[in-house]
Amino acid sequence: MLVKVHPLLDRFGDWPAFLASGLSEEETAQFRSHERTGRPLGSPAFVDRLERLLRRVLKPQKRGPKPGTKRAGTGRTSKGDN
């Protein structure tokens, strides 16, 4: 089950009115940012739970080559070995 309807109705009451109220500029920016990256939008606890359920890393990781991995075409590792 994706959602339980009752808690949403308790929280927002008049659903059409809630949808018609629109989003703040900050909320719109958050949606756009997560839409571009494909990363889930939610609290850290929500994203942690998704990671556990999916057994997949969803949070941004450190950029660049991972230590000890071979660089394509060089035969060298990212640490400069070989």
PDB file of N, CA and C in Angstrom:
ATOM      1  N   MET A   1       0.851  -1.173   0.000  1.00  0.00           N
ATOM      2  CA  MET A   1       0.000   0.000   0.000  1.00  0.00           C
ATOM      3  C   MET A   1       0.895   1.234   0.000  1.00  0.00           C
ATOM      4  N   LEU A   2       0.618   2.144  -0.915  1.00  0.00           N
ATOM      5  CA  LEU A   2       1.421   3.346  -1.041  1.00  0.00           C
ATOM      6  C   LEU A   2       1.120   4.357   0.062  1.00  0.00           C
ATOM      7  N   VAL A   3      -0.140   4.651   0.281  1.00  0.00           N
ATOM      8  CA  VAL A   3      -0.528   5.584   1.343  1.00  0.00           C
ATOM      9  C   VAL A   3      -1.788   5.105   2.042  1.00  0.00           C
ATOM     10  N   LYS A   4      -1.923   5.545   3.262  1.00  0.00           N
ATOM     11  CA  LYS A   4      -3.164   5.354   3.995  1.00  0.00           C
ATOM     12  C   LYS A   4      -3.919   6.675   3.888  1.00  0.00           C
ATOM     13  N   VAL A   5      -5.094   6.639   3.353  1.00  0.00           N
ATOM     14  CA  VAL A   5      -5.844   7.848   3.039  1.00  0.00           C
ATOM     15  C   VAL A   5      -6.241   8.643   4.285  1.00  0.00           C
ATOM     16  N   HIS A   6      -6.660   7.971   5.315  1.00  0.00           N
ATOM     17  CA  HIS A   6      -7.191   8.665   6.499  1.00  0.00           C
ATOM     18  C   HIS A   6      -6.211   9.688   7.085  1.00  0.00           C
ATOM     19  N   PRO A   7      -4.932   9.346   7.304  1.00  0.00           N
ATOM     20  CA  PRO A   7      -4.020  10.363   7.848  1.00  0.00           C
ATOM     21  C   PRO A   7      -3.879  11.590   6.951  1.00  0.00           C
ATOM     22  N   LEU A   8      -3.937  11.399   5.639  1.00  0.00           N
ATOM     23  CA  LEU A   8      -3.862  12.552   4.738  1.00  0.00           C
ATOM     24  C   LEU A   8      -5.093  13.438   4.877  1.00  0.00           C
ATOM     25  N   LEU A   9      -6.250  12.823   4.972  1.00  0.00           N
ATOM     26  CA  LEU A   9      -7.470  13.608   5.143  1.00  0.00           C
ATOM     27  C   LEU A   9      -7.457  14.352   6.468  1.00  0.00           C
ATOM     28  N   ASP A  10      -6.935  13.704   7.518  1.00  0.00           N
ATOM     29  CA  ASP A  10      -6.833  14.372   8.824  1.00  0.00           C
ATOM     30  C   ASP A  10      -5.900  15.574   8.749  1.00  0.00           C
ATOM     31  N   ARG A  11      -4.822  15.426   7.996  1.00  0.00           N
ATOM     32  CA  ARG A  11      -3.813  16.475   7.938  1.00  0.00           C
ATOM     33  C   ARG A  11      -4.248  17.652   7.063  1.00  0.00           C
ATOM     34  N   PHE A  12      -4.888  17.370   5.931  1.00  0.00           N
ATOM     35  CA  PHE A  12      -5.188  18.423   4.967  1.00  0.00           C
ATOM     36  C   PHE A  12      -6.666  18.749   4.836  1.00  0.00           C
ATOM     37  N   GLY A  13      -7.543  17.875   5.304  1.00  0.00           N
ATOM     38  CA  GLY A  13      -8.972  18.163   5.241  1.00  0.00           C
ATOM     39  C   GLY A  13      -9.490  18.265   3.821  1.00  0.00           C
ATOM     40  N   ASP A  14      -9.639  19.485   3.348  1.00  0.00           N
ATOM     41  CA  ASP A  14     -10.170  19.748   2.013  1.00  0.00           C
ATOM     42  C   ASP A  14      -9.038  19.609   0.985  1.00  0.00           C
ATOM     43  N   TRP A  15      -8.900  18.422   0.428  1.00  0.00           N
ATOM     44  CA  TRP A  15      -7.792  18.115  -0.484  1.00  0.00           C
ATOM     45  C   TRP A  15      -7.774  19.045  -1.702  1.00  0.00           C
ATOM     46  N   PRO A  16      -8.905  19.283  -2.384  1.00  0.00           N
ATOM     47  CA  PRO A  16      -8.866  20.211  -3.522  1.00  0.00           C
ATOM     48  C   PRO A  16      -8.377  21.613  -3.134  1.00  0.00           C
ATOM     49  N   ALA A  17      -8.785  22.103  -1.976  1.00  0.00           N
ATOM     50  CA  ALA A  17      -8.327  23.419  -1.515  1.00  0.00           C
ATOM     51  C   ALA A  17      -6.829  23.405  -1.237  1.00  0.00           C
ATOM     52  N   PHE A  18      -6.336  22.314  -0.651  1.00  0.00           N
ATOM     53  CA  PHE A  18      -4.906  22.191  -0.395  1.00  0.00           C
ATOM     54  C   PHE A  18      -4.121  22.249  -1.703  1.00  0.00           C
ATOM     55  N   LEU A  19      -4.570  21.491  -2.711  1.00  0.00           N
ATOM     56  CA  LEU A  19      -3.876  21.485  -3.997  1.00  0.00           C
ATOM     57  C   LEU A  19      -3.937  22.848  -4.682  1.00  0.00           C
ATOM     58  N   ALA A  20      -5.045  23.538  -4.531  1.00  0.00           N
ATOM     59  CA  ALA A  20      -5.218  24.846  -5.164  1.00  0.00           C
ATOM     60  C   ALA A  20      -4.351  25.926  -4.500  1.00  0.00           C
ATOM     61  N   SER A  21      -3.907  25.684  -3.262  1.00  0.00           N
ATOM     62  CA  SER A  21      -3.123  26.691  -2.546  1.00  0.00           C
ATOM     63  C   SER A  21      -1.735  26.880  -3.135  1.00  0.00           C
ATOM     64  N   GLY A  22      -1.253  25.913  -3.917  1.00  0.00           N
ATOM     65  CA  GLY A  22       0.052  26.052  -4.564  1.00  0.00           C
ATOM     66  C   GLY A  22       1.214  25.814  -3.629  1.00  0.00           C
ATOM     67  N   LEU A  23       2.418  26.039  -4.156  1.00  0.00           N
ATOM     68  CA  LEU A  23       3.651  25.816  -3.416  1.00  0.00           C
ATOM     69  C   LEU A  23       4.389  27.128  -3.214  1.00  0.00           C
ATOM     70  N   SER A  24       5.166  27.200  -2.153  1.00  0.00           N
ATOM     71  CA  SER A  24       6.019  28.364  -1.941  1.00  0.00           C
ATOM     72  C   SER A  24       7.195  28.287  -2.926  1.00  0.00           C
ATOM     73  N   GLU A  25       7.926  29.379  -3.067  1.00  0.00           N
ATOM     74  CA  GLU A  25       9.101  29.395  -3.945  1.00  0.00           C
ATOM     75  C   GLU A  25      10.131  28.372  -3.466  1.00  0.00           C
ATOM     76  N   GLU A  26      10.295  28.255  -2.149  1.00  0.00           N
ATOM     77  CA  GLU A  26      11.254  27.297  -1.582  1.00  0.00           C
ATOM     78  C   GLU A  26      10.851  25.864  -1.916  1.00  0.00           C
ATOM     79  N   GLU A  27       9.562  25.550  -1.758  1.00  0.00           N
ATOM     80  CA  GLU A  27       9.081  24.205  -2.073  1.00  0.00           C
ATOM     81  C   GLU A  27       9.252  23.890  -3.561  1.00  0.00           C
ATOM     82  N   THR A  28       8.957  24.867  -4.399  1.00  0.00           N
ATOM     83  CA  THR A  28       9.125  24.684  -5.842  1.00  0.00           C
ATOM     84  C   THR A  28      10.584  24.425  -6.176  1.00  0.00           C
ATOM     85  N   ALA A  29      11.496  25.176  -5.562  1.00  0.00           N
ATOM     86  CA  ALA A  29      12.936  24.989  -5.797  1.00  0.00           C
ATOM     87  C   ALA A  29      13.379  23.593  -5.357  1.00  0.00           C
ATOM     88  N   GLN A  30      12.864  23.121  -4.213  1.00  0.00           N
ATOM     89  CA  GLN A  30      13.210  21.775  -3.751  1.00  0.00           C
ATOM     90  C   GLN A  30      12.731  20.713  -4.737  1.00  0.00           C
ATOM     91  N   PHE A  31      11.495  20.834  -5.193  1.00  0.00           N
ATOM     92  CA  PHE A  31      10.970  19.885  -6.173  1.00  0.00           C
ATOM     93  C   PHE A  31      11.818  19.890  -7.443  1.00  0.00           C
ATOM     94  N   ARG A  32      12.146  21.073  -7.945  1.00  0.00           N
ATOM     95  CA  ARG A  32      12.938  21.181  -9.174  1.00  0.00           C
ATOM     96  C   ARG A  32      14.323  20.556  -8.998  1.00  0.00           C
ATOM     97  N   SER A  33      14.953  20.818  -7.875  1.00  0.00           N
ATOM     98  CA  SER A  33      16.280  20.272  -7.608  1.00  0.00           C
ATOM     99  C   SER A  33      16.257  18.744  -7.584  1.00  0.00           C
ATOM    100  N   HIS A  34      15.306  18.177  -6.878  1.00  0.00           N
ATOM    101  CA  HIS A  34      15.223  16.725  -6.766  1.00  0.00           C
ATOM    102  C   HIS A  34      14.740  16.094  -8.067  1.00  0.00           C
ATOM    103  N   GLU A  35      13.964  16.842  -8.825  1.00  0.00           N
ATOM    104  CA  GLU A  35      13.509  16.366 -10.132  1.00  0.00           C
ATOM    105  C   GLU A  35      14.700  16.229 -11.080  1.00  0.00           C
ATOM    106  N   ARG A  36      15.620  17.187 -11.030  1.00  0.00           N
ATOM    107  CA  ARG A  36      16.813  17.149 -11.892  1.00  0.00           C
ATOM    108  C   ARG A  36      17.754  16.016 -11.516  1.00  0.00           C
ATOM    109  N   THR A  37      17.946  15.806 -10.220  1.00  0.00           N
ATOM    110  CA  THR A  37      18.918  14.800  -9.775  1.00  0.00           C
ATOM    111  C   THR A  37      18.327  13.400  -9.703  1.00  0.00           C
ATOM    112  N   GLY A  38      17.004  13.312  -9.592  1.00  0.00           N
ATOM    113  CA  GLY A  38      16.374  12.001  -9.444  1.00  0.00           C
ATOM    114  C   GLY A  38      16.476  11.454  -8.027  1.00  0.00           C
ATOM    115  N   ARG A  39      16.967  12.271  -7.111  1.00  0.00           N
ATOM    116  CA  ARG A  39      17.090  11.835  -5.714  1.00  0.00           C
ATOM    117  C   ARG A  39      15.761  12.048  -4.984  1.00  0.00           C
ATOM    118  N   PRO A  40      15.473  11.191  -4.001  1.00  0.00           N
ATOM    119  CA  PRO A  40      14.210  11.331  -3.278  1.00  0.00           C
ATOM    120  C   PRO A  40      14.166  12.619  -2.451  1.00  0.00           C
ATOM    121  N   LEU A  41      12.985  13.167  -2.335  1.00  0.00           N
ATOM    122  CA  LEU A  41      12.773  14.373  -1.532  1.00  0.00           C
ATOM    123  C   LEU A  41      12.078  13.961  -0.252  1.00  0.00           C
ATOM    124  N   GLY A  42      12.720  14.207   0.866  1.00  0.00           N
ATOM    125  CA  GLY A  42      12.139  13.867   2.158  1.00  0.00           C
ATOM    126  C   GLY A  42      13.141  14.107   3.258  1.00  0.00           C
ATOM    127  N   SER A  43      12.728  13.822   4.464  1.00  0.00           N
ATOM    128  CA  SER A  43      13.607  14.013   5.621  1.00  0.00           C
ATOM    129  C   SER A  43      14.754  13.001   5.563  1.00  0.00           C
ATOM    130  N   PRO A  44      15.843  13.271   6.286  1.00  0.00           N
ATOM    131  CA  PRO A  44      16.939  12.298   6.336  1.00  0.00           C
ATOM    132  C   PRO A  44      16.463  10.914   6.801  1.00  0.00           C
ATOM    133  N   ALA A  45      15.535  10.886   7.761  1.00  0.00           N
ATOM    134  CA  ALA A  45      15.020   9.595   8.246  1.00  0.00           C
ATOM    135  C   ALA A  45      14.264   8.864   7.133  1.00  0.00           C
ATOM    136  N   PHE A  46      13.505   9.606   6.330  1.00  0.00           N
ATOM    137  CA  PHE A  46      12.770   9.017   5.211  1.00  0.00           C
ATOM    138  C   PHE A  46      13.740   8.417   4.189  1.00  0.00           C
ATOM    139  N   VAL A  47      14.786   9.174   3.827  1.00  0.00           N
ATOM    140  CA  VAL A  47      15.761   8.693   2.843  1.00  0.00           C
ATOM    141  C   VAL A  47      16.525   7.494   3.404  1.00  0.00           C
ATOM    142  N   ASP A  48      16.879   7.528   4.686  1.00  0.00           N
ATOM    143  CA  ASP A  48      17.542   6.371   5.322  1.00  0.00           C
ATOM    144  C   ASP A  48      16.667   5.124   5.229  1.00  0.00           C
ATOM    145  N   ARG A  49      15.388   5.293   5.490  1.00  0.00           N
ATOM    146  CA  ARG A  49      14.465   4.152   5.424  1.00  0.00           C
ATOM    147  C   ARG A  49      14.370   3.614   3.996  1.00  0.00           C
ATOM    148  N   LEU A  50      14.291   4.504   3.026  1.00  0.00           N
ATOM    149  CA  LEU A  50      14.268   4.071   1.629  1.00  0.00           C
ATOM    150  C   LEU A  50      15.530   3.295   1.269  1.00  0.00           C
ATOM    151  N   GLU A  51      16.681   3.788   1.721  1.00  0.00           N
ATOM    152  CA  GLU A  51      17.950   3.098   1.439  1.00  0.00           C
ATOM    153  C   GLU A  51      17.941   1.687   2.017  1.00  0.00           C
ATOM    154  N   ARG A  52      17.442   1.561   3.229  1.00  0.00           N
ATOM    155  CA  ARG A  52      17.394   0.225   3.844  1.00  0.00           C
ATOM    156  C   ARG A  52      16.434  -0.693   3.091  1.00  0.00           C
ATOM    157  N   LEU A  53      15.258  -0.172   2.751  1.00  0.00           N
ATOM    158  CA  LEU A  53      14.254  -0.982   2.056  1.00  0.00           C
ATOM    159  C   LEU A  53      14.724  -1.397   0.660  1.00  0.00           C
ATOM    160  N   LEU A  54      15.381  -0.477  -0.045  1.00  0.00           N
ATOM    161  CA  LEU A  54      15.805  -0.738  -1.420  1.00  0.00           C
ATOM    162  C   LEU A  54      17.196  -1.362  -1.523  1.00  0.00           C
ATOM    163  N   ARG A  55      17.914  -1.341  -0.380  1.00  0.00           N
ATOM    164  CA  ARG A  55      19.304  -1.824  -0.350  1.00  0.00           C
ATOM    165  C   ARG A  55      20.136  -1.128  -1.433  1.00  0.00           C
ATOM    166  N   ARG A  56      19.986   0.192  -1.435  1.00  0.00           N
ATOM    167  CA  ARG A  56      20.640   1.012  -2.447  1.00  0.00           C
ATOM    168  C   ARG A  56      20.971   2.374  -1.860  1.00  0.00           C
ATOM    169  N   VAL A  57      22.111   2.946  -2.244  1.00  0.00           N
ATOM    170  CA  VAL A  57      22.503   4.271  -1.777  1.00  0.00           C
ATOM    171  C   VAL A  57      21.731   5.312  -2.575  1.00  0.00           C
ATOM    172  N   LEU A  58      21.040   6.205  -1.883  1.00  0.00           N
ATOM    173  CA  LEU A  58      20.253   7.245  -2.535  1.00  0.00           C
ATOM    174  C   LEU A  58      20.786   8.645  -2.249  1.00  0.00           C
ATOM    175  N   LYS A  59      21.545   8.798  -1.172  1.00  0.00           N
ATOM    176  CA  LYS A  59      22.093  10.106  -0.818  1.00  0.00           C
ATOM    177  C   LYS A  59      23.309  10.404  -1.691  1.00  0.00           C
ATOM    178  N   PRO A  60      23.581  11.698  -1.951  1.00  0.00           N
ATOM    179  CA  PRO A  60      24.770  12.047  -2.733  1.00  0.00           C
ATOM    180  C   PRO A  60      26.029  11.529  -2.047  1.00  0.00           C
ATOM    181  N   GLN A  61      26.955  11.042  -2.852  1.00  0.00           N
ATOM    182  CA  GLN A  61      28.223  10.532  -2.336  1.00  0.00           C
ATOM    183  C   GLN A  61      29.352  11.478  -2.745  1.00  0.00           C
ATOM    184  N   LYS A  62      30.531  11.254  -2.189  1.00  0.00           N
ATOM    185  CA  LYS A  62      31.697  12.042  -2.528  1.00  0.00           C
ATOM    186  C   LYS A  62      31.988  11.871  -4.013  1.00  0.00           C
ATOM    187  N   ARG A  63      32.275  12.969  -4.696  1.00  0.00           N
ATOM    188  CA  ARG A  63      32.545  12.934  -6.128  1.00  0.00           C
ATOM    189  C   ARG A  63      33.966  12.471  -6.417  1.00  0.00           C
ATOM    190  N   GLY A  64      34.192  12.053  -7.644  1.00  0.00           N
ATOM    191  CA  GLY A  64      35.524  11.675  -8.103  1.00  0.00           C
ATOM    192  C   GLY A  64      35.763  10.186  -7.982  1.00  0.00           C
ATOM    193  N   PRO A  65      36.931   9.748  -8.470  1.00  0.00           N
ATOM    194  CA  PRO A  65      37.243   8.313  -8.420  1.00  0.00           C
ATOM    195  C   PRO A  65      37.392   7.825  -6.987  1.00  0.00           C
ATOM    196  N   LYS A  66      36.993   6.611  -6.781  1.00  0.00           N
ATOM    197  CA  LYS A  66      37.123   6.009  -5.453  1.00  0.00           C
ATOM    198  C   LYS A  66      38.568   5.550  -5.264  1.00  0.00           C
ATOM    199  N   PRO A  67      39.130   5.687  -4.073  1.00  0.00           N
ATOM    200  CA  PRO A  67      40.505   5.269  -3.833  1.00  0.00           C
ATOM    201  C   PRO A  67      40.722   3.803  -4.208  1.00  0.00           C
ATOM    202  N   GLY A  68      41.787   3.559  -4.950  1.00  0.00           N
ATOM    203  CA  GLY A  68      42.152   2.190  -5.286  1.00  0.00           C
ATOM    204  C   GLY A  68      41.462   1.641  -6.519  1.00  0.00           C
ATOM    205  N   THR A  69      40.648   2.436  -7.204  1.00  0.00           N
ATOM    206  CA  THR A  69      40.002   1.949  -8.426  1.00  0.00           C
ATOM    207  C   THR A  69      40.884   2.285  -9.616  1.00  0.00           C
ATOM    208  N   LYS A  70      40.898   1.416 -10.621  1.00  0.00           N
ATOM    209  CA  LYS A  70      41.710   1.659 -11.814  1.00  0.00           C
ATOM    210  C   LYS A  70      41.055   2.702 -12.698  1.00  0.00           C
ATOM    211  N   ARG A  71      41.884   3.600 -13.216  1.00  0.00           N
ATOM    212  CA  ARG A  71      41.392   4.604 -14.156  1.00  0.00           C
ATOM    213  C   ARG A  71      41.400   4.008 -15.557  1.00  0.00           C
ATOM    214  N   ALA A  72      40.377   4.272 -16.307  1.00  0.00           N
ATOM    215  CA  ALA A  72      40.226   3.702 -17.649  1.00  0.00           C
ATOM    216  C   ALA A  72      41.404   4.063 -18.542  1.00  0.00           C
ATOM    217  N   GLY A  73      41.985   3.055 -19.179  1.00  0.00           N
ATOM    218  CA  GLY A  73      43.021   3.263 -20.168  1.00  0.00           C
ATOM    219  C   GLY A  73      44.403   3.560 -19.630  1.00  0.00           C
ATOM    220  N   THR A  74      44.586   3.673 -18.329  1.00  0.00           N
ATOM    221  CA  THR A  74      45.908   4.023 -17.801  1.00  0.00           C
ATOM    222  C   THR A  74      46.598   2.878 -17.109  1.00  0.00           C
ATOM    223  N   GLY A  75      45.807   1.914 -16.628  1.00  0.00           N
ATOM    224  CA  GLY A  75      46.390   0.822 -15.848  1.00  0.00           C
ATOM    225  C   GLY A  75      46.835   1.266 -14.476  1.00  0.00           C
ATOM    226  N   ARG A  76      46.525   2.507 -14.115  1.00  0.00           N
ATOM    227  CA  ARG A  76      46.913   3.048 -12.807  1.00  0.00           C
ATOM    228  C   ARG A  76      45.691   3.189 -11.924  1.00  0.00           C
ATOM    229  N   THR A  77      45.923   3.154 -10.633  1.00  0.00           N
ATOM    230  CA  THR A  77      44.832   3.372  -9.701  1.00  0.00           C
ATOM    231  C   THR A  77      44.719   4.846  -9.401  1.00  0.00           C
ATOM    232  N   SER A  78      43.618   5.225  -8.790  1.00  0.00           N
ATOM    233  CA  SER A  78      43.423   6.636  -8.462  1.00  0.00           C
ATOM    234  C   SER A  78      44.379   7.111  -7.375  1.00  0.00           C
ATOM    235  N   LYS A  79      45.066   6.185  -6.705  1.00  0.00           N
ATOM    236  CA  LYS A  79      46.078   6.555  -5.707  1.00  0.00           C
ATOM    237  C   LYS A  79      47.430   6.826  -6.366  1.00  0.00           C
ATOM    238  N   GLY A  80      47.538   6.529  -7.689  1.00  0.00           N
ATOM    239  CA  GLY A  80      48.802   6.741  -8.375  1.00  0.00           C
ATOM    240  C   GLY A  80      49.708   5.530  -8.331  1.00  0.00           C
ATOM    241  N   ASP A  81      49.218   4.378  -7.858  1.00  0.00           N
ATOM    242  CA  ASP A  81      50.035   3.162  -7.812  1.00  0.00           C
ATOM    243  C   ASP A  81      50.196   2.603  -9.219  1.00  0.00           C
ATOM    244  N   ASN A  82      51.126   1.678  -9.366  1.00  0.00           N
ATOM    245  CA  ASN A  82      51.430   0.953 -10.611  1.00  0.00           C
ATOM    246  C   ASN A  82      52.297   1.775 -11.468  1.00  0.00           C
TER     247      ASN A  82
END
